[in-house]
N, C-alpha and C. Protein backbone atom coordinates (compact mmCIF):
# COMPACT_ATOMS: atom_id res chain seq x y z
N MET A 1 -17.12 1.38 -19.37
CA MET A 1 -16.18 2.22 -18.65
C MET A 1 -14.77 1.68 -18.78
N GLY A 2 -14.58 0.38 -18.86
CA GLY A 2 -13.24 -0.15 -19.01
C GLY A 2 -12.56 -0.35 -17.68
N ARG A 3 -11.29 -0.65 -17.76
CA ARG A 3 -10.50 -0.90 -16.57
C ARG A 3 -10.08 0.40 -15.91
N PRO A 4 -9.86 0.36 -14.59
CA PRO A 4 -9.40 1.58 -13.90
C PRO A 4 -8.08 2.06 -14.50
N GLY A 5 -7.90 3.35 -14.49
CA GLY A 5 -6.66 3.93 -15.01
C GLY A 5 -5.47 3.55 -14.17
N LYS A 6 -4.29 3.61 -14.78
CA LYS A 6 -3.06 3.24 -14.10
C LYS A 6 -2.84 4.08 -12.84
N ASP A 7 -3.21 5.37 -12.89
CA ASP A 7 -2.99 6.23 -11.72
C ASP A 7 -3.86 5.80 -10.54
N VAL A 8 -5.09 5.31 -10.82
CA VAL A 8 -5.97 4.83 -9.75
C VAL A 8 -5.37 3.57 -9.14
N LEU A 9 -4.95 2.64 -9.99
CA LEU A 9 -4.36 1.40 -9.49
C LEU A 9 -3.08 1.67 -8.72
N GLN A 10 -2.25 2.54 -9.25
CA GLN A 10 -0.98 2.89 -8.58
C GLN A 10 -1.27 3.52 -7.23
N GLY A 11 -2.20 4.46 -7.18
CA GLY A 11 -2.55 5.11 -5.93
C GLY A 11 -3.12 4.14 -4.92
N THR A 12 -3.90 3.17 -5.39
CA THR A 12 -4.47 2.17 -4.51
C THR A 12 -3.39 1.28 -3.93
N LEU A 13 -2.46 0.85 -4.78
CA LEU A 13 -1.35 0.03 -4.29
C LEU A 13 -0.54 0.78 -3.25
N GLU A 14 -0.25 2.05 -3.51
CA GLU A 14 0.51 2.82 -2.54
C GLU A 14 -0.23 2.95 -1.21
N MET A 15 -1.54 3.14 -1.27
CA MET A 15 -2.33 3.22 -0.05
C MET A 15 -2.28 1.89 0.70
N LEU A 16 -2.39 0.78 -0.01
CA LEU A 16 -2.33 -0.53 0.63
C LEU A 16 -0.97 -0.78 1.27
N VAL A 17 0.09 -0.37 0.60
CA VAL A 17 1.44 -0.53 1.16
C VAL A 17 1.58 0.30 2.44
N LEU A 18 1.14 1.55 2.38
CA LEU A 18 1.22 2.40 3.58
C LEU A 18 0.44 1.77 4.73
N ARG A 19 -0.75 1.26 4.42
CA ARG A 19 -1.58 0.66 5.47
C ARG A 19 -0.93 -0.60 6.04
N ALA A 20 -0.30 -1.38 5.19
CA ALA A 20 0.37 -2.61 5.63
C ALA A 20 1.50 -2.30 6.61
N LEU A 21 2.07 -1.10 6.52
CA LEU A 21 3.19 -0.73 7.38
C LEU A 21 2.78 -0.11 8.71
N VAL A 22 1.48 0.12 8.91
CA VAL A 22 1.03 0.74 10.16
C VAL A 22 1.45 -0.06 11.39
N PRO A 23 1.30 -1.39 11.40
CA PRO A 23 1.70 -2.14 12.61
C PRO A 23 3.21 -2.13 12.88
N GLY A 24 4.01 -1.87 11.85
CA GLY A 24 5.45 -1.84 12.05
C GLY A 24 6.21 -2.15 10.78
N PRO A 25 7.53 -2.02 10.81
CA PRO A 25 8.36 -2.22 9.62
C PRO A 25 8.25 -3.63 9.04
N LEU A 26 8.31 -3.70 7.73
CA LEU A 26 8.29 -4.97 7.01
C LEU A 26 9.23 -4.90 5.83
N HIS A 27 9.73 -6.05 5.40
CA HIS A 27 10.47 -6.11 4.14
C HIS A 27 9.44 -6.34 3.02
N GLY A 28 9.89 -6.27 1.78
CA GLY A 28 8.96 -6.36 0.65
C GLY A 28 8.07 -7.59 0.68
N TYR A 29 8.67 -8.75 0.90
CA TYR A 29 7.87 -9.98 0.94
C TYR A 29 6.86 -9.93 2.08
N GLY A 30 7.22 -9.35 3.21
CA GLY A 30 6.30 -9.22 4.33
C GLY A 30 5.12 -8.33 4.00
N ILE A 31 5.37 -7.27 3.22
CA ILE A 31 4.29 -6.39 2.78
C ILE A 31 3.32 -7.15 1.90
N VAL A 32 3.85 -7.90 0.94
CA VAL A 32 3.02 -8.70 0.03
C VAL A 32 2.16 -9.68 0.84
N LYS A 33 2.80 -10.40 1.78
CA LYS A 33 2.06 -11.40 2.56
C LYS A 33 0.99 -10.74 3.43
N ARG A 34 1.30 -9.59 4.04
CA ARG A 34 0.31 -8.93 4.89
C ARG A 34 -0.92 -8.53 4.07
N ILE A 35 -0.71 -7.95 2.90
CA ILE A 35 -1.83 -7.53 2.04
C ILE A 35 -2.65 -8.75 1.63
N GLU A 36 -1.97 -9.82 1.24
CA GLU A 36 -2.69 -11.04 0.83
C GLU A 36 -3.46 -11.63 1.99
N GLU A 37 -2.85 -11.73 3.15
CA GLU A 37 -3.51 -12.34 4.30
C GLU A 37 -4.72 -11.52 4.77
N VAL A 38 -4.54 -10.22 4.91
CA VAL A 38 -5.62 -9.37 5.41
C VAL A 38 -6.79 -9.34 4.42
N SER A 39 -6.50 -9.46 3.13
CA SER A 39 -7.56 -9.44 2.11
C SER A 39 -8.13 -10.83 1.85
N ASP A 40 -7.79 -11.80 2.68
CA ASP A 40 -8.21 -13.20 2.47
C ASP A 40 -7.84 -13.67 1.07
N GLU A 41 -6.61 -13.32 0.67
CA GLU A 41 -6.04 -13.74 -0.61
C GLU A 41 -6.73 -13.12 -1.83
N ALA A 42 -7.63 -12.14 -1.62
CA ALA A 42 -8.33 -11.51 -2.74
C ALA A 42 -7.41 -10.54 -3.49
N LEU A 43 -6.43 -9.97 -2.80
CA LEU A 43 -5.52 -9.02 -3.41
C LEU A 43 -4.13 -9.64 -3.49
N ARG A 44 -3.56 -9.59 -4.67
CA ARG A 44 -2.20 -10.10 -4.88
C ARG A 44 -1.36 -8.96 -5.42
N VAL A 45 -0.18 -8.81 -4.85
CA VAL A 45 0.73 -7.76 -5.28
C VAL A 45 1.94 -8.44 -5.92
N GLU A 46 2.22 -8.08 -7.15
CA GLU A 46 3.36 -8.63 -7.87
C GLU A 46 4.62 -7.82 -7.55
N GLU A 47 5.76 -8.50 -7.52
CA GLU A 47 7.03 -7.82 -7.27
C GLU A 47 7.26 -6.68 -8.26
N GLY A 48 6.86 -6.90 -9.52
CA GLY A 48 7.05 -5.89 -10.54
C GLY A 48 6.28 -4.61 -10.28
N SER A 49 5.26 -4.68 -9.45
CA SER A 49 4.50 -3.49 -9.05
C SER A 49 4.95 -2.97 -7.70
N LEU A 50 5.28 -3.90 -6.81
CA LEU A 50 5.62 -3.50 -5.43
C LEU A 50 6.87 -2.64 -5.35
N TYR A 51 7.96 -3.10 -5.95
CA TYR A 51 9.22 -2.38 -5.74
C TYR A 51 9.25 -1.00 -6.38
N PRO A 52 8.65 -0.78 -7.55
CA PRO A 52 8.53 0.60 -8.02
C PRO A 52 7.68 1.47 -7.09
N ALA A 53 6.62 0.89 -6.51
CA ALA A 53 5.78 1.64 -5.57
C ALA A 53 6.58 2.00 -4.32
N LEU A 54 7.34 1.04 -3.80
CA LEU A 54 8.17 1.32 -2.62
C LEU A 54 9.18 2.43 -2.93
N HIS A 55 9.76 2.38 -4.10
CA HIS A 55 10.73 3.41 -4.50
C HIS A 55 10.05 4.79 -4.55
N ARG A 56 8.87 4.87 -5.14
CA ARG A 56 8.13 6.15 -5.21
C ARG A 56 7.80 6.65 -3.81
N LEU A 57 7.30 5.76 -2.96
CA LEU A 57 6.93 6.14 -1.60
C LEU A 57 8.14 6.65 -0.82
N GLU A 58 9.27 6.00 -1.03
CA GLU A 58 10.49 6.44 -0.35
C GLU A 58 10.95 7.79 -0.89
N GLN A 59 10.90 7.97 -2.19
CA GLN A 59 11.30 9.26 -2.79
C GLN A 59 10.40 10.39 -2.31
N ASP A 60 9.12 10.09 -2.12
CA ASP A 60 8.17 11.11 -1.67
C ASP A 60 8.27 11.38 -0.18
N GLY A 61 9.07 10.59 0.54
CA GLY A 61 9.25 10.80 1.97
C GLY A 61 8.18 10.18 2.83
N TRP A 62 7.35 9.28 2.27
CA TRP A 62 6.26 8.67 3.02
C TRP A 62 6.69 7.40 3.74
N ILE A 63 7.79 6.80 3.27
CA ILE A 63 8.37 5.65 3.98
C ILE A 63 9.88 5.85 4.02
N ARG A 64 10.53 5.10 4.90
CA ARG A 64 12.00 5.06 4.91
C ARG A 64 12.41 3.60 4.91
N ALA A 65 13.61 3.34 4.43
CA ALA A 65 14.10 1.97 4.33
C ALA A 65 15.41 1.83 5.08
N GLU A 66 15.58 0.70 5.73
CA GLU A 66 16.83 0.38 6.44
C GLU A 66 17.16 -1.08 6.18
N TRP A 67 18.44 -1.36 6.05
CA TRP A 67 18.89 -2.75 5.93
C TRP A 67 18.90 -3.37 7.32
N GLN A 68 18.27 -4.53 7.44
CA GLN A 68 18.23 -5.28 8.69
C GLN A 68 18.26 -6.76 8.37
N ALA A 69 18.50 -7.57 9.37
CA ALA A 69 18.42 -9.02 9.20
C ALA A 69 16.97 -9.45 9.25
N SER A 70 16.58 -10.27 8.29
CA SER A 70 15.21 -10.79 8.27
C SER A 70 15.09 -11.96 9.24
N GLU A 71 13.89 -12.52 9.33
CA GLU A 71 13.66 -13.65 10.23
C GLU A 71 14.49 -14.87 9.81
N THR A 72 14.94 -14.91 8.57
CA THR A 72 15.79 -16.03 8.11
C THR A 72 17.27 -15.72 8.30
N GLY A 73 17.58 -14.52 8.79
CA GLY A 73 18.97 -14.14 9.01
C GLY A 73 19.62 -13.45 7.82
N ARG A 74 18.91 -13.37 6.72
CA ARG A 74 19.45 -12.68 5.54
C ARG A 74 19.16 -11.19 5.63
N ARG A 75 20.03 -10.41 5.02
CA ARG A 75 19.81 -8.95 5.01
C ARG A 75 18.68 -8.59 4.05
N ALA A 76 17.83 -7.70 4.49
CA ALA A 76 16.71 -7.25 3.67
C ALA A 76 16.43 -5.79 4.00
N ARG A 77 15.84 -5.11 3.03
CA ARG A 77 15.41 -3.73 3.29
C ARG A 77 14.07 -3.78 3.99
N PHE A 78 14.02 -3.16 5.16
CA PHE A 78 12.77 -3.05 5.91
C PHE A 78 12.23 -1.64 5.74
N TYR A 79 10.95 -1.55 5.46
CA TYR A 79 10.30 -0.27 5.20
C TYR A 79 9.42 0.10 6.38
N SER A 80 9.42 1.39 6.72
CA SER A 80 8.57 1.87 7.80
C SER A 80 7.95 3.21 7.40
N LEU A 81 6.81 3.49 8.02
CA LEU A 81 6.10 4.75 7.75
C LEU A 81 6.82 5.93 8.40
N THR A 82 6.80 7.05 7.71
CA THR A 82 7.25 8.30 8.31
C THR A 82 6.01 9.06 8.79
N ALA A 83 6.21 10.14 9.49
CA ALA A 83 5.08 10.98 9.93
C ALA A 83 4.31 11.48 8.70
N ALA A 84 5.04 11.87 7.67
CA ALA A 84 4.38 12.33 6.43
C ALA A 84 3.59 11.19 5.79
N GLY A 85 4.11 9.96 5.89
CA GLY A 85 3.41 8.80 5.35
C GLY A 85 2.12 8.53 6.10
N LYS A 86 2.12 8.71 7.41
CA LYS A 86 0.90 8.51 8.20
C LYS A 86 -0.15 9.53 7.79
N LYS A 87 0.26 10.77 7.58
CA LYS A 87 -0.68 11.81 7.13
C LYS A 87 -1.21 11.49 5.74
N ARG A 88 -0.33 11.09 4.86
CA ARG A 88 -0.74 10.73 3.50
C ARG A 88 -1.74 9.58 3.53
N LEU A 89 -1.48 8.57 4.35
CA LEU A 89 -2.39 7.44 4.46
C LEU A 89 -3.77 7.90 4.93
N ALA A 90 -3.83 8.74 5.93
CA ALA A 90 -5.11 9.24 6.43
C ALA A 90 -5.86 9.97 5.32
N ASP A 91 -5.16 10.80 4.55
CA ASP A 91 -5.80 11.53 3.45
C ASP A 91 -6.31 10.57 2.38
N GLU A 92 -5.49 9.58 2.04
CA GLU A 92 -5.87 8.61 1.00
C GLU A 92 -7.06 7.75 1.45
N GLN A 93 -7.07 7.37 2.72
CA GLN A 93 -8.19 6.57 3.23
C GLN A 93 -9.49 7.36 3.17
N GLU A 94 -9.44 8.63 3.49
CA GLU A 94 -10.65 9.46 3.42
C GLU A 94 -11.12 9.60 1.98
N SER A 95 -10.20 9.82 1.06
CA SER A 95 -10.56 9.89 -0.37
C SER A 95 -11.18 8.59 -0.84
N TRP A 96 -10.61 7.47 -0.41
CA TRP A 96 -11.12 6.16 -0.79
C TRP A 96 -12.54 5.96 -0.24
N ARG A 97 -12.76 6.37 0.99
CA ARG A 97 -14.10 6.24 1.58
C ARG A 97 -15.13 7.07 0.82
N ARG A 98 -14.74 8.30 0.45
CA ARG A 98 -15.67 9.14 -0.33
C ARG A 98 -15.99 8.48 -1.67
N LEU A 99 -14.99 7.95 -2.33
CA LEU A 99 -15.18 7.30 -3.63
C LEU A 99 -16.09 6.08 -3.50
N THR A 100 -15.82 5.23 -2.51
CA THR A 100 -16.63 4.01 -2.38
C THR A 100 -18.06 4.34 -1.98
N ARG A 101 -18.28 5.36 -1.17
CA ARG A 101 -19.64 5.78 -0.83
C ARG A 101 -20.37 6.27 -2.07
N ALA A 102 -19.68 7.02 -2.92
CA ALA A 102 -20.30 7.54 -4.14
C ALA A 102 -20.65 6.39 -5.09
N VAL A 103 -19.75 5.45 -5.25
CA VAL A 103 -20.04 4.30 -6.11
C VAL A 103 -21.20 3.50 -5.55
N GLU A 104 -21.23 3.30 -4.25
CA GLU A 104 -22.33 2.57 -3.62
C GLU A 104 -23.66 3.26 -3.87
N ARG A 105 -23.70 4.59 -3.77
CA ARG A 105 -24.94 5.34 -4.03
C ARG A 105 -25.39 5.13 -5.47
N VAL A 106 -24.47 5.19 -6.41
CA VAL A 106 -24.84 4.99 -7.81
C VAL A 106 -25.37 3.58 -8.02
N LEU A 107 -24.72 2.58 -7.44
CA LEU A 107 -25.16 1.22 -7.60
C LEU A 107 -26.55 1.00 -6.98
N ARG A 108 -26.82 1.70 -5.91
CA ARG A 108 -28.09 1.54 -5.21
C ARG A 108 -29.23 2.28 -5.90
N PHE A 109 -28.97 3.48 -6.41
CA PHE A 109 -30.08 4.34 -6.84
C PHE A 109 -30.12 4.64 -8.34
N ALA A 110 -29.12 4.35 -9.08
CA ALA A 110 -29.11 4.70 -10.52
C ALA A 110 -29.93 3.72 -11.31
């Protein structure tokens, strides 16, 4: 079967970013750390993937960005979910659950 297609990986990253923002606004590094911590370091997000994903999510209206002072006092862009982003996340999570249930059935019974 090969590796997952770029669109699957991109969509998964976007879903993870949206989910990371549910508790509240984060800057890019905070998003990376939250995903790594919650996944017990199993998932790593590279800057080269994160910032294009953030840009797409912002263009689509699923997140918004504001300049704020970070915990170190430096200015950083903080990203937060929009109402449309919350809806998109719910839709993506349901699609993900359907996909993983289907894969699990194949692994169990095929």
